[in-house]
Amino acid sequence: LSKETEAKTVVTGGFCVGSVREIKRGEVIVTGPEVGSLVATGDSLAVEARGGVIVLRAVYPMMASVRCSVSRGSLKDLSPGMKAFRMAQRDVKK
C-alpha cells in the first residue's frame, strides 16, 4: 500500500477495536472491551506509528484480547497504548 492509501485506511478503513497492551517474542497483544467479537482469525489491524502504518494479522482472538503477528512494519515502532484499527479487507494486499 502507498503511504497515502495507508493513511486513508487508518482513518476510513475501520474502527478502533482496542489498543496495544503488550509486545513480546514477536507477538503483539491487542486488548479492548469487545475485541473478541470484532476481530476474527486472519483479520488485519492497522496501528499508526511514527514510521507509517504497521499491519498486524490476528492469530488468536479471545474475548477481551487478540494475539497478533506483524505482517508489515517493525515491532520496534510499536509501543503499548497505541490504538489498533480494523482494516477493511479490500485495503489489504497479501
Protein backbone atom coordinates (compact mmCIF):
# COMPACT_ATOMS: atom_id res chain seq x y z
CA LEU A 1 0.00 0.00 0.00
CA SER A 2 1.17 3.51 -0.68
CA LYS A 3 1.64 5.94 2.22
CA GLU A 4 -1.46 7.83 1.09
CA THR A 5 -3.56 4.64 0.98
CA GLU A 6 -2.23 3.58 4.37
CA ALA A 7 -3.26 6.90 5.90
CA LYS A 8 -6.75 6.67 4.39
CA THR A 9 -7.10 3.09 5.62
CA VAL A 10 -6.38 4.07 9.21
CA VAL A 11 -8.81 6.95 9.06
CA THR A 12 -11.63 5.42 6.99
CA GLY A 13 -10.92 1.70 6.66
CA GLY A 14 -12.24 0.65 10.02
CA PHE A 15 -12.96 1.49 13.58
CA CYS A 16 -10.82 1.33 16.68
CA VAL A 17 -11.05 -2.17 18.17
CA GLY A 18 -8.61 -1.65 21.04
CA SER A 19 -5.06 -0.76 21.87
CA VAL A 20 -1.68 -2.45 22.03
CA ARG A 21 -1.24 -3.86 25.52
CA GLU A 22 1.92 -5.92 25.27
CA ILE A 23 4.72 -6.70 22.83
CA LYS A 24 6.75 -9.84 23.44
CA ARG A 25 8.57 -12.55 21.50
CA GLY A 26 7.43 -11.33 18.12
CA GLU A 27 3.77 -11.13 19.15
CA VAL A 28 1.53 -8.18 19.84
CA ILE A 29 -1.40 -8.39 22.26
CA VAL A 30 -4.26 -6.01 21.45
CA THR A 31 -6.97 -5.57 24.08
CA GLY A 32 -10.37 -3.91 24.01
CA PRO A 33 -13.77 -4.37 25.61
CA GLU A 34 -15.29 -6.26 22.65
CA VAL A 35 -12.23 -7.15 20.59
CA GLY A 36 -13.10 -10.87 20.58
CA SER A 37 -16.39 -10.25 18.82
CA LEU A 38 -14.98 -7.62 16.44
CA VAL A 39 -11.85 -9.42 15.20
CA ALA A 40 -11.63 -12.89 13.65
CA THR A 41 -8.60 -15.04 12.89
CA GLY A 42 -6.81 -13.68 9.83
CA ASP A 43 -8.21 -10.15 10.07
CA SER A 44 -5.80 -7.28 9.57
CA LEU A 45 -5.37 -4.48 12.09
CA ALA A 46 -3.59 -1.20 11.44
CA VAL A 47 -1.58 0.66 14.04
CA GLU A 48 -0.47 4.18 13.24
CA ALA A 49 3.18 4.67 14.24
CA ARG A 50 5.85 7.26 13.60
CA GLY A 51 7.31 5.15 10.77
CA GLY A 52 3.96 4.81 8.98
CA VAL A 53 1.30 2.19 9.42
CA ILE A 54 2.10 -1.19 10.94
CA VAL A 55 -0.17 -4.00 9.79
CA LEU A 56 -0.94 -6.77 12.26
CA ARG A 57 -2.55 -10.12 11.45
CA ALA A 58 -4.93 -11.59 14.05
CA VAL A 59 -3.69 -15.04 15.04
CA TYR A 60 -5.68 -15.97 18.14
CA PRO A 61 -8.71 -13.87 19.12
CA MET A 62 -10.07 -14.25 22.65
CA MET A 63 -12.93 -12.45 24.44
CA ALA A 64 -11.06 -9.34 25.58
CA SER A 65 -7.80 -9.62 23.64
CA VAL A 66 -6.31 -10.83 20.38
CA ARG A 67 -2.83 -12.19 19.78
CA CYS A 68 -1.33 -10.81 16.57
CA SER A 69 1.74 -11.19 14.41
CA VAL A 70 3.27 -8.34 12.42
CA SER A 71 2.60 -8.79 8.72
CA ARG A 72 4.13 -5.48 7.65
CA GLY A 73 6.25 -2.99 9.56
CA SER A 74 8.52 -3.30 12.56
CA LEU A 75 7.90 -4.26 16.18
CA LYS A 76 10.40 -1.56 17.15
CA ASP A 77 7.93 1.14 16.10
CA LEU A 78 5.15 -0.20 18.35
CA SER A 79 4.57 0.74 21.96
CA PRO A 80 1.84 -0.08 24.49
CA GLY A 81 -1.17 2.21 24.32
CA MET A 82 -1.21 2.68 20.55
CA LYS A 83 -4.68 2.35 19.02
CA ALA A 84 -5.45 -0.56 16.68
CA PHE A 85 -7.96 -0.16 13.84
CA ARG A 86 -9.64 -2.96 11.92
CA MET A 87 -8.73 -2.69 8.24
CA ALA A 88 -11.26 -3.23 5.51
CA GLN A 89 -10.28 -6.38 3.59
CA ARG A 90 -10.34 -4.53 0.27
CA ASP A 91 -7.49 -2.33 1.56
CA VAL A 92 -5.24 -5.25 2.48
CA LYS A 93 -2.73 -6.57 -0.04
CA LYS A 94 -1.44 -10.06 0.64
